[in-house]
Amino acid sequence: SNAFRLGIIGDQIDRGDYTTGVALVGDSAFFVANNDQIDTDEQLRNA
């Protein structure tokens, strides 16, 4: 973590939550929810 940020890509954040992800603002980690609402590779790229 002295050099890298981290991105995790998975399914839903939680039950009933279909937002595209969650992240630490100004810190080094984020999660992208590649759930049923993501239909294309371009959408995943933008997320």
All heavy atoms as atom14 arrays in JSON, in Angstrom:
{
  "sequence": "SNAFRLGIIGDQIDRGDYTTGVALVGDSAFFVANNDQIDTDEQLRNA",
  "atom14_mask": [
    [1, 1, 1, 1, 1, 1, 0, 0, 0, 0, 0, 0, 0, 0],
    [1, 1, 1, 1, 1, 1, 1, 1, 0, 0, 0, 0, 0, 0],
    [1, 1, 1, 1, 1, 0, 0, 0, 0, 0, 0, 0, 0, 0],
    [1, 1, 1, 1, 1, 1, 1, 1, 1, 1, 1, 0, 0, 0],
    [1, 1, 1, 1, 1, 1, 1, 1, 1, 1, 1, 0, 0, 0],
    [1, 1, 1, 1, 1, 1, 1, 1, 0, 0, 0, 0, 0, 0],
    [1, 1, 1, 1, 0, 0, 0, 0, 0, 0, 0, 0, 0, 0],
    [1, 1, 1, 1, 1, 1, 1, 1, 0, 0, 0, 0, 0, 0],
    [1, 1, 1, 1, 1, 1, 1, 1, 0, 0, 0, 0, 0, 0],
    [1, 1, 1, 1, 0, 0, 0, 0, 0, 0, 0, 0, 0, 0],
    [1, 1, 1, 1, 1, 1, 1, 1, 0, 0, 0, 0, 0, 0],
    [1, 1, 1, 1, 1, 1, 1, 1, 1, 0, 0, 0, 0, 0],
    [1, 1, 1, 1, 1, 1, 1, 1, 0, 0, 0, 0, 0, 0],
    [1, 1, 1, 1, 1, 1, 1, 1, 0, 0, 0, 0, 0, 0],
    [1, 1, 1, 1, 1, 1, 1, 1, 1, 1, 1, 0, 0, 0],
    [1, 1, 1, 1, 0, 0, 0, 0, 0, 0, 0, 0, 0, 0],
    [1, 1, 1, 1, 1, 1, 1, 1, 0, 0, 0, 0, 0, 0],
    [1, 1, 1, 1, 1, 1, 1, 1, 1, 1, 1, 1, 0, 0],
    [1, 1, 1, 1, 1, 1, 1, 0, 0, 0, 0, 0, 0, 0],
    [1, 1, 1, 1, 1, 1, 1, 0, 0, 0, 0, 0, 0, 0],
    [1, 1, 1, 1, 0, 0, 0, 0, 0, 0, 0, 0, 0, 0],
    [1, 1, 1, 1, 1, 1, 1, 0, 0, 0, 0, 0, 0, 0],
    [1, 1, 1, 1, 1, 0, 0, 0, 0, 0, 0, 0, 0, 0],
    [1, 1, 1, 1, 1, 1, 1, 1, 0, 0, 0, 0, 0, 0],
    [1, 1, 1, 1, 1, 1, 1, 0, 0, 0, 0, 0, 0, 0],
    [1, 1, 1, 1, 0, 0, 0, 0, 0, 0, 0, 0, 0, 0],
    [1, 1, 1, 1, 1, 1, 1, 1, 0, 0, 0, 0, 0, 0],
    [1, 1, 1, 1, 1, 1, 0, 0, 0, 0, 0, 0, 0, 0],
    [1, 1, 1, 1, 1, 0, 0, 0, 0, 0, 0, 0, 0, 0],
    [1, 1, 1, 1, 1, 1, 1, 1, 1, 1, 1, 0, 0, 0],
    [1, 1, 1, 1, 1, 1, 1, 1, 1, 1, 1, 0, 0, 0],
    [1, 1, 1, 1, 1, 1, 1, 0, 0, 0, 0, 0, 0, 0],
    [1, 1, 1, 1, 1, 0, 0, 0, 0, 0, 0, 0, 0, 0],
    [1, 1, 1, 1, 1, 1, 1, 1, 0, 0, 0, 0, 0, 0],
    [1, 1, 1, 1, 1, 1, 1, 1, 0, 0, 0, 0, 0, 0],
    [1, 1, 1, 1, 1, 1, 1, 1, 0, 0, 0, 0, 0, 0],
    [1, 1, 1, 1, 1, 1, 1, 1, 1, 0, 0, 0, 0, 0],
    [1, 1, 1, 1, 1, 1, 1, 1, 0, 0, 0, 0, 0, 0],
    [1, 1, 1, 1, 1, 1, 1, 1, 0, 0, 0, 0, 0, 0],
    [1, 1, 1, 1, 1, 1, 1, 0, 0, 0, 0, 0, 0, 0],
    [1, 1, 1, 1, 1, 1, 1, 1, 0, 0, 0, 0, 0, 0],
    [1, 1, 1, 1, 1, 1, 1, 1, 1, 0, 0, 0, 0, 0],
    [1, 1, 1, 1, 1, 1, 1, 1, 1, 0, 0, 0, 0, 0],
    [1, 1, 1, 1, 1, 1, 1, 1, 0, 0, 0, 0, 0, 0],
    [1, 1, 1, 1, 1, 1, 1, 1, 1, 1, 1, 0, 0, 0],
    [1, 1, 1, 1, 1, 1, 1, 1, 0, 0, 0, 0, 0, 0],
    [1, 1, 1, 1, 1, 0, 0, 0, 0, 0, 0, 0, 0, 0]
  ],
  "atom14_positions": [
    [[0.83, -1.21, 0.0], [0.0, 0.0, 0.0], [0.86, 1.26, 0.0], [0.34, 2.36, -0.16], [-0.95, 0.01, 1.2], [-0.23, 0.06, 2.42], [0.0, 0.0, 0.0], [0.0, 0.0, 0.0], [0.0, 0.0, 0.0], [0.0, 0.0, 0.0], [0.0, 0.0, 0.0], [0.0, 0.0, 0.0], [0.0, 0.0, 0.0], [0.0, 0.0, 0.0]],
    [[2.17, 1.1, 0.17], [3.08, 2.23, 0.02], [3.13, 2.74, -1.42], [3.61, 3.85, -1.66], [4.49, 1.83, 0.45], [4.71, 1.96, 1.94], [5.01, 3.03, 2.45], [4.56, 0.86, 2.67], [0.0, 0.0, 0.0], [0.0, 0.0, 0.0], [0.0, 0.0, 0.0], [0.0, 0.0, 0.0], [0.0, 0.0, 0.0], [0.0, 0.0, 0.0]],
    [[2.65, 1.94, -2.36], [2.63, 2.37, -3.75], [1.28, 2.16, -4.42], [0.88, 2.97, -5.26], [3.71, 1.63, -4.55], [0.0, 0.0, 0.0], [0.0, 0.0, 0.0], [0.0, 0.0, 0.0], [0.0, 0.0, 0.0], [0.0, 0.0, 0.0], [0.0, 0.0, 0.0], [0.0, 0.0, 0.0], [0.0, 0.0, 0.0], [0.0, 0.0, 0.0]],
    [[0.58, 1.09, -4.05], [-0.64, 0.69, -4.76], [-1.91, 1.12, -4.05], [-2.0, 1.07, -2.83], [-0.68, -0.83, -4.92], [0.24, -1.39, -5.96], [1.58, -1.6, -5.69], [-0.24, -1.72, -7.22], [2.44, -2.12, -6.65], [0.6, -2.25, -8.19], [1.95, -2.45, -7.9], [0.0, 0.0, 0.0], [0.0, 0.0, 0.0], [0.0, 0.0, 0.0]],
    [[-2.9, 1.51, -4.84], [-4.28, 1.53, -4.4], [-4.91, 0.17, -4.72], [-4.37, -0.59, -5.53], [-5.07, 2.64, -5.1], [-4.79, 4.06, -4.56], [-5.41, 5.07, -5.49], [-5.48, 6.41, -4.92], [-4.49, 7.29, -4.94], [-3.32, 6.96, -5.48], [-4.63, 8.51, -4.42], [0.0, 0.0, 0.0], [0.0, 0.0, 0.0], [0.0, 0.0, 0.0]],
    [[-6.07, -0.09, -4.11], [-6.73, -1.38, -4.28], [-8.15, -1.2, -4.79], [-8.91, -0.37, -4.26], [-6.77, -2.13, -2.94], [-7.6, -3.43, -2.9], [-6.92, -4.52, -3.74], [-7.8, -3.89, -1.47], [0.0, 0.0, 0.0], [0.0, 0.0, 0.0], [0.0, 0.0, 0.0], [0.0, 0.0, 0.0], [0.0, 0.0, 0.0], [0.0, 0.0, 0.0]],
    [[-8.52, -1.98, -5.8], [-9.89, -2.03, -6.25], [-10.4, -3.46, -6.21], [-9.75, -4.36, -6.76], [0.0, 0.0, 0.0], [0.0, 0.0, 0.0], [0.0, 0.0, 0.0], [0.0, 0.0, 0.0], [0.0, 0.0, 0.0], [0.0, 0.0, 0.0], [0.0, 0.0, 0.0], [0.0, 0.0, 0.0], [0.0, 0.0, 0.0], [0.0, 0.0, 0.0]],
    [[-11.53, -3.69, -5.54], [-12.17, -5.0, -5.5], [-13.42, -4.95, -6.36], [-14.2, -3.99, -6.27], [-12.56, -5.39, -4.05], [-11.34, -5.4, -3.14], [-13.27, -6.75, -4.03], [-10.4, -6.54, -3.36], [0.0, 0.0, 0.0], [0.0, 0.0, 0.0], [0.0, 0.0, 0.0], [0.0, 0.0, 0.0], [0.0, 0.0, 0.0], [0.0, 0.0, 0.0]],
    [[-13.62, -5.95, -7.19], [-14.82, -6.01, -8.04], [-15.61, -7.25, -7.66], [-15.05, -8.36, -7.59], [-14.44, -6.06, -9.54], [-13.52, -4.89, -9.89], [-15.7, -6.03, -10.4], [-12.96, -4.96, -11.3], [0.0, 0.0, 0.0], [0.0, 0.0, 0.0], [0.0, 0.0, 0.0], [0.0, 0.0, 0.0], [0.0, 0.0, 0.0], [0.0, 0.0, 0.0]],
    [[-16.88, -7.08, -7.38], [-17.7, -8.21, -6.95], [-19.16, -8.02, -7.3], [-19.52, -7.28, -8.22], [0.0, 0.0, 0.0], [0.0, 0.0, 0.0], [0.0, 0.0, 0.0], [0.0, 0.0, 0.0], [0.0, 0.0, 0.0], [0.0, 0.0, 0.0], [0.0, 0.0, 0.0], [0.0, 0.0, 0.0], [0.0, 0.0, 0.0], [0.0, 0.0, 0.0]],
    [[-20.0, -8.69, -6.53], [-21.44, -8.64, -6.76], [-22.02, -7.46, -5.98], [-21.39, -6.4, -5.88], [-22.07, -9.97, -6.35], [-23.36, -10.28, -7.11], [-24.06, -9.33, -7.51], [-23.68, -11.47, -7.29], [0.0, 0.0, 0.0], [0.0, 0.0, 0.0], [0.0, 0.0, 0.0], [0.0, 0.0, 0.0], [0.0, 0.0, 0.0], [0.0, 0.0, 0.0]],
    [[-23.17, -7.6, -5.36], [-23.83, -6.5, -4.68], [-23.07, -6.07, -3.42], [-22.37, -6.87, -2.78], [-25.25, -6.9, -4.28], [-26.21, -7.03, -5.44], [-27.59, -7.46, -4.96], [-28.12, -8.47, -5.41], [-28.18, -6.71, -4.05], [0.0, 0.0, 0.0], [0.0, 0.0, 0.0], [0.0, 0.0, 0.0], [0.0, 0.0, 0.0], [0.0, 0.0, 0.0]],
    [[-23.28, -4.81, -3.07], [-22.73, -4.3, -1.82], [-23.41, -4.98, -0.64], [-22.75, -5.51, 0.25], [-22.9, -2.77, -1.74], [-22.0, -2.11, -2.78], [-22.59, -2.26, -0.34], [-22.17, -0.62, -2.86], [0.0, 0.0, 0.0], [0.0, 0.0, 0.0], [0.0, 0.0, 0.0], [0.0, 0.0, 0.0], [0.0, 0.0, 0.0], [0.0, 0.0, 0.0]],
    [[-24.72, -4.99, -0.66], [-25.5, -5.62, 0.41], [-26.89, -5.91, -0.13], [-27.26, -5.49, -1.23], [-25.57, -4.7, 1.64], [-25.76, -5.47, 2.94], [-26.15, -6.66, 2.88], [-25.53, -4.88, 4.01], [0.0, 0.0, 0.0], [0.0, 0.0, 0.0], [0.0, 0.0, 0.0], [0.0, 0.0, 0.0], [0.0, 0.0, 0.0], [0.0, 0.0, 0.0]],
    [[-27.67, -6.61, 0.64], [-29.03, -6.97, 0.24], [-29.84, -5.71, -0.06], [-29.92, -4.78, 0.74], [-29.69, -7.79, 1.34], [-31.06, -8.35, 0.99], [-31.58, -9.22, 2.11], [-30.87, -10.51, 2.16], [-29.91, -10.8, 3.04], [-29.52, -9.9, 3.94], [-29.32, -11.98, 3.03], [0.0, 0.0, 0.0], [0.0, 0.0, 0.0], [0.0, 0.0, 0.0]],
    [[-30.44, -5.65, -1.25], [-31.27, -4.51, -1.63], [-30.5, -3.29, -2.09], [-31.09, -2.28, -2.44], [0.0, 0.0, 0.0], [0.0, 0.0, 0.0], [0.0, 0.0, 0.0], [0.0, 0.0, 0.0], [0.0, 0.0, 0.0], [0.0, 0.0, 0.0], [0.0, 0.0, 0.0], [0.0, 0.0, 0.0], [0.0, 0.0, 0.0], [0.0, 0.0, 0.0]],
    [[-29.16, -3.37, -2.1], [-28.32, -2.23, -2.49], [-27.77, -2.49, -3.89], [-26.96, -3.4, -4.09], [-27.18, -2.06, -1.49], [-26.39, -0.78, -1.72], [-26.43, -0.25, -2.85], [-25.72, -0.32, -0.77], [0.0, 0.0, 0.0], [0.0, 0.0, 0.0], [0.0, 0.0, 0.0], [0.0, 0.0, 0.0], [0.0, 0.0, 0.0], [0.0, 0.0, 0.0]],
    [[-28.21, -1.68, -4.84], [-27.76, -1.85, -6.22], [-26.91, -0.67, -6.7], [-26.78, -0.45, -7.9], [-28.95, -2.06, -7.15], [-29.55, -3.44, -7.04], [-30.62, -3.68, -6.17], [-29.03, -4.51, -7.77], [-31.16, -4.95, -6.06], [-29.57, -5.78, -7.66], [-30.64, -6.0, -6.81], [-31.17, -7.27, -6.69], [0.0, 0.0, 0.0], [0.0, 0.0, 0.0]],
    [[-26.33, 0.08, -5.76], [-25.41, 1.13, -6.17], [-24.16, 0.5, -6.77], [-23.88, -0.69, -6.57], [-25.03, 2.03, -4.98], [-24.56, 1.22, -3.89], [-26.22, 2.85, -4.51], [0.0, 0.0, 0.0], [0.0, 0.0, 0.0], [0.0, 0.0, 0.0], [0.0, 0.0, 0.0], [0.0, 0.0, 0.0], [0.0, 0.0, 0.0], [0.0, 0.0, 0.0]],
    [[-23.4, 1.3, -7.5], [-22.3, 0.74, -8.29], [-21.02, 0.55, -7.5], [-20.06, -0.02, -8.04], [-22.0, 1.63, -9.5], [-21.72, 2.97, -9.04], [-23.19, 1.67, -10.45], [0.0, 0.0, 0.0], [0.0, 0.0, 0.0], [0.0, 0.0, 0.0], [0.0, 0.0, 0.0], [0.0, 0.0, 0.0], [0.0, 0.0, 0.0], [0.0, 0.0, 0.0]],
    [[-20.96, 1.0, -6.26], [-19.74, 0.78, -5.51], [-19.65, 1.64, -4.27], [-20.57, 2.39, -3.92], [0.0, 0.0, 0.0], [0.0, 0.0, 0.0], [0.0, 0.0, 0.0], [0.0, 0.0, 0.0], [0.0, 0.0, 0.0], [0.0, 0.0, 0.0], [0.0, 0.0, 0.0], [0.0, 0.0, 0.0], [0.0, 0.0, 0.0], [0.0, 0.0, 0.0]],
    [[-18.51, 1.52, -3.61], [-18.24, 2.29, -2.4], [-16.73, 2.48, -2.32], [-15.96, 1.62, -2.78], [-18.78, 1.57, -1.15], [-18.14, 0.21, -0.97], [-18.62, 2.41, 0.1], [0.0, 0.0, 0.0], [0.0, 0.0, 0.0], [0.0, 0.0, 0.0], [0.0, 0.0, 0.0], [0.0, 0.0, 0.0], [0.0, 0.0, 0.0], [0.0, 0.0, 0.0]],
    [[-16.29, 3.61, -1.78], [-14.86, 3.9, -1.76], [-14.51, 4.78, -0.57], [-15.37, 5.46, 0.0], [-14.44, 4.6, -3.05], [0.0, 0.0, 0.0], [0.0, 0.0, 0.0], [0.0, 0.0, 0.0], [0.0, 0.0, 0.0], [0.0, 0.0, 0.0], [0.0, 0.0, 0.0], [0.0, 0.0, 0.0], [0.0, 0.0, 0.0], [0.0, 0.0, 0.0]],
    [[-13.24, 4.75, -0.2], [-12.71, 5.66, 0.8], [-12.2, 6.91, 0.08], [-11.29, 6.82, -0.75], [-11.55, 5.0, 1.57], [-11.89, 3.75, 2.38], [-10.62, 3.13, 2.96], [-12.86, 4.08, 3.5], [0.0, 0.0, 0.0], [0.0, 0.0, 0.0], [0.0, 0.0, 0.0], [0.0, 0.0, 0.0], [0.0, 0.0, 0.0], [0.0, 0.0, 0.0]],
    [[-12.78, 8.05, 0.39], [-12.36, 9.3, -0.26], [-10.99, 9.71, 0.27], [-10.8, 9.87, 1.47], [-13.38, 10.42, -0.01], [-12.87, 11.73, -0.61], [-14.73, 10.05, -0.6], [0.0, 0.0, 0.0], [0.0, 0.0, 0.0], [0.0, 0.0, 0.0], [0.0, 0.0, 0.0], [0.0, 0.0, 0.0], [0.0, 0.0, 0.0], [0.0, 0.0, 0.0]],
    [[-10.03, 9.85, -0.64], [-8.7, 10.26, -0.23], [-7.9, 9.17, 0.43], [-6.83, 9.44, 0.99], [0.0, 0.0, 0.0], [0.0, 0.0, 0.0], [0.0, 0.0, 0.0], [0.0, 0.0, 0.0], [0.0, 0.0, 0.0], [0.0, 0.0, 0.0], [0.0, 0.0, 0.0], [0.0, 0.0, 0.0], [0.0, 0.0, 0.0], [0.0, 0.0, 0.0]],
    [[-8.37, 7.93, 0.38], [-7.57, 6.82, 0.9], [-7.41, 5.8, -0.24], [-7.64, 6.13, -1.4], [-8.22, 6.21, 2.14], [-7.22, 5.49, 3.04], [-6.21, 4.96, 2.54], [-7.47, 5.44, 4.25], [0.0, 0.0, 0.0], [0.0, 0.0, 0.0], [0.0, 0.0, 0.0], [0.0, 0.0, 0.0], [0.0, 0.0, 0.0], [0.0, 0.0, 0.0]],
    [[-7.06, 4.57, 0.06], [-6.5, 3.7, -0.96], [-7.34, 2.49, -1.37], [-6.79, 1.55, -1.92], [-5.12, 3.19, -0.49], [-4.2, 4.25, -0.39], [0.0, 0.0, 0.0], [0.0, 0.0, 0.0], [0.0, 0.0, 0.0], [0.0, 0.0, 0.0], [0.0, 0.0, 0.0], [0.0, 0.0, 0.0], [0.0, 0.0, 0.0], [0.0, 0.0, 0.0]],
    [[-8.63, 2.47, -1.13], [-9.41, 1.28, -1.49], [-10.8, 1.65, -1.97], [-11.41, 2.62, -1.5], [-9.51, 0.33, -0.3], [0.0, 0.0, 0.0], [0.0, 0.0, 0.0], [0.0, 0.0, 0.0], [0.0, 0.0, 0.0], [0.0, 0.0, 0.0], [0.0, 0.0, 0.0], [0.0, 0.0, 0.0], [0.0, 0.0, 0.0], [0.0, 0.0, 0.0]],
    [[-11.3, 0.83, -2.92], [-12.67, 0.99, -3.39], [-13.21, -0.37, -3.8], [-12.47, -1.33, -4.04], [-12.75, 1.98, -4.55], [-12.01, 1.58, -5.81], [-12.62, 0.82, -6.8], [-10.7, 1.98, -6.01], [-11.95, 0.46, -7.96], [-10.01, 1.63, -7.17], [-10.64, 0.87, -8.14], [0.0, 0.0, 0.0], [0.0, 0.0, 0.0], [0.0, 0.0, 0.0]],
    [[-14.54, -0.45, -3.85], [-15.24, -1.66, -4.28], [-16.18, -1.29, -5.41], [-16.91, -0.3, -5.32], [-16.03, -2.27, -3.12], [-16.89, -3.45, -3.51], [-16.34, -4.72, -3.58], [-18.23, -3.29, -3.8], [-17.12, -5.82, -3.95], [-19.03, -4.37, -4.16], [-18.46, -5.64, -4.23], [0.0, 0.0, 0.0], [0.0, 0.0, 0.0], [0.0, 0.0, 0.0]],
    [[-16.17, -2.08, -6.48], [-17.08, -1.88, -7.6], [-18.08, -3.03, -7.62], [-17.68, -4.21, -7.61], [-16.33, -1.81, -8.94], [-17.32, -1.77, -10.1], [-15.42, -0.59, -8.97], [0.0, 0.0, 0.0], [0.0, 0.0, 0.0], [0.0, 0.0, 0.0], [0.0, 0.0, 0.0], [0.0, 0.0, 0.0], [0.0, 0.0, 0.0], [0.0, 0.0, 0.0]],
    [[-19.36, -2.7, -7.63], [-20.41, -3.72, -7.63], [-20.8, -4.05, -9.07], [-21.6, -3.35, -9.69], [-21.62, -3.22, -6.85], [0.0, 0.0, 0.0], [0.0, 0.0, 0.0], [0.0, 0.0, 0.0], [0.0, 0.0, 0.0], [0.0, 0.0, 0.0], [0.0, 0.0, 0.0], [0.0, 0.0, 0.0], [0.0, 0.0, 0.0], [0.0, 0.0, 0.0]],
    [[-20.21, -5.12, -9.58], [-20.54, -5.58, -10.94], [-21.77, -6.48, -10.83], [-21.73, -7.68, -11.1], [-19.35, -6.33, -11.53], [-19.55, -6.7, -12.99], [-20.54, -6.32, -13.6], [-18.61, -7.46, -13.54], [0.0, 0.0, 0.0], [0.0, 0.0, 0.0], [0.0, 0.0, 0.0], [0.0, 0.0, 0.0], [0.0, 0.0, 0.0], [0.0, 0.0, 0.0]],
    [[-22.87, -5.85, -10.44], [-24.1, -6.6, -10.17], [-24.98, -6.67, -11.42], [-24.54, -6.33, -12.52], [-24.85, -5.97, -8.99], [-25.1, -4.49, -9.19], [-25.54, -4.06, -10.25], [-24.82, -3.69, -8.16], [0.0, 0.0, 0.0], [0.0, 0.0, 0.0], [0.0, 0.0, 0.0], [0.0, 0.0, 0.0], [0.0, 0.0, 0.0], [0.0, 0.0, 0.0]],
    [[-26.22, -7.08, -11.23], [-27.12, -7.26, -12.37], [-27.46, -5.96, -13.08], [-28.01, -5.98, -14.19], [-28.42, -7.94, -11.92], [-28.19, -9.38, -11.46], [-27.15, -9.95, -11.84], [-29.03, -9.91, -10.7], [0.0, 0.0, 0.0], [0.0, 0.0, 0.0], [0.0, 0.0, 0.0], [0.0, 0.0, 0.0], [0.0, 0.0, 0.0], [0.0, 0.0, 0.0]],
    [[-27.14, -4.82, -12.45], [-27.43, -3.54, -13.08], [-26.34, -3.12, -14.07], [-26.52, -2.19, -14.84], [-27.57, -2.45, -12.0], [-28.61, -2.77, -10.93], [-30.0, -2.96, -11.51], [-30.49, -2.1, -12.22], [-30.63, -4.09, -11.2], [0.0, 0.0, 0.0], [0.0, 0.0, 0.0], [0.0, 0.0, 0.0], [0.0, 0.0, 0.0], [0.0, 0.0, 0.0]],
    [[-25.2, -3.81, -14.04], [-24.11, -3.54, -14.97], [-24.28, -4.47, -16.17], [-24.14, -5.7, -16.04], [-22.74, -3.76, -14.31], [-22.57, -2.85, -13.09], [-21.62, -3.53, -15.32], [-22.46, -1.39, -13.41], [0.0, 0.0, 0.0], [0.0, 0.0, 0.0], [0.0, 0.0, 0.0], [0.0, 0.0, 0.0], [0.0, 0.0, 0.0], [0.0, 0.0, 0.0]],
    [[-24.57, -3.9, -17.32], [-24.9, -4.7, -18.51], [-23.75, -4.83, -19.51], [-23.72, -5.78, -20.29], [-26.11, -4.11, -19.22], [-27.37, -4.14, -18.37], [-27.55, -5.12, -17.64], [-28.14, -3.17, -18.43], [0.0, 0.0, 0.0], [0.0, 0.0, 0.0], [0.0, 0.0, 0.0], [0.0, 0.0, 0.0], [0.0, 0.0, 0.0], [0.0, 0.0, 0.0]],
    [[-22.84, -3.87, -19.51], [-21.79, -3.87, -20.53], [-20.42, -3.67, -19.9], [-20.29, -3.19, -18.77], [-22.02, -2.76, -21.56], [-21.83, -1.47, -20.92], [-23.43, -2.84, -22.15], [0.0, 0.0, 0.0], [0.0, 0.0, 0.0], [0.0, 0.0, 0.0], [0.0, 0.0, 0.0], [0.0, 0.0, 0.0], [0.0, 0.0, 0.0], [0.0, 0.0, 0.0]],
    [[-19.39, -4.01, -20.68], [-18.03, -3.8, -20.21], [-17.72, -2.31, -20.07], [-16.95, -1.91, -19.2], [-17.05, -4.46, -21.18], [-15.65, -4.59, -20.6], [-15.52, -5.15, -19.49], [-14.7, -4.11, -21.24], [0.0, 0.0, 0.0], [0.0, 0.0, 0.0], [0.0, 0.0, 0.0], [0.0, 0.0, 0.0], [0.0, 0.0, 0.0], [0.0, 0.0, 0.0]],
    [[-18.33, -1.5, -20.91], [-18.11, -0.05, -20.82], [-18.69, 0.5, -19.53], [-18.13, 1.41, -18.91], [-18.73, 0.66, -22.02], [-18.01, 0.45, -23.34], [-18.26, -0.94, -23.92], [-19.26, -1.6, -23.51], [-17.47, -1.36, -24.78], [0.0, 0.0, 0.0], [0.0, 0.0, 0.0], [0.0, 0.0, 0.0], [0.0, 0.0, 0.0], [0.0, 0.0, 0.0]],
    [[-19.84, -0.02, -19.1], [-20.41, 0.42, -17.82], [-19.5, 0.04, -16.65], [-19.3, 0.83, -15.72], [-21.81, -0.18, -17.64], [-22.87, 0.42, -18.54], [-24.24, -0.2, -18.32], [-24.37, -1.31, -17.8], [-25.28, 0.51, -18.72], [0.0, 0.0, 0.0], [0.0, 0.0, 0.0], [0.0, 0.0, 0.0], [0.0, 0.0, 0.0], [0.0, 0.0, 0.0]],
    [[-18.95, -1.17, -16.7], [-18.02, -1.58, -15.65], [-16.78, -0.7, -15.66], [-16.3, -0.28, -14.6], [-17.63, -3.05, -15.84], [-16.61, -3.61, -14.85], [-17.11, -3.49, -13.41], [-16.29, -5.07, -15.18], [0.0, 0.0, 0.0], [0.0, 0.0, 0.0], [0.0, 0.0, 0.0], [0.0, 0.0, 0.0], [0.0, 0.0, 0.0], [0.0, 0.0, 0.0]],
    [[-16.29, -0.39, -16.84], [-15.14, 0.52, -16.97], [-15.42, 1.86, -16.31], [-14.6, 2.38, -15.53], [-14.83, 0.71, -18.45], [-13.72, 1.69, -18.77], [-13.81, 2.16, -20.21], [-15.04, 2.93, -20.44], [-15.43, 3.37, -21.64], [-14.71, 3.09, -22.71], [-16.55, 4.08, -21.76], [0.0, 0.0, 0.0], [0.0, 0.0, 0.0], [0.0, 0.0, 0.0]],
    [[-16.59, 2.44, -16.6], [-16.94, 3.73, -16.02], [-17.12, 3.65, -14.52], [-16.77, 4.59, -13.78], [-18.21, 4.27, -16.67], [-17.96, 4.81, -18.07], [-17.08, 4.35, -18.78], [-18.76, 5.79, -18.48], [0.0, 0.0, 0.0], [0.0, 0.0, 0.0], [0.0, 0.0, 0.0], [0.0, 0.0, 0.0], [0.0, 0.0, 0.0], [0.0, 0.0, 0.0]],
    [[-17.68, 2.53, -14.04], [-17.85, 2.36, -12.59], [-16.5, 2.28, -11.89], [-16.32, 2.81, -10.79], [-18.67, 1.1, -12.31], [0.0, 0.0, 0.0], [0.0, 0.0, 0.0], [0.0, 0.0, 0.0], [0.0, 0.0, 0.0], [0.0, 0.0, 0.0], [0.0, 0.0, 0.0], [0.0, 0.0, 0.0], [0.0, 0.0, 0.0], [0.0, 0.0, 0.0]]
  ]
}
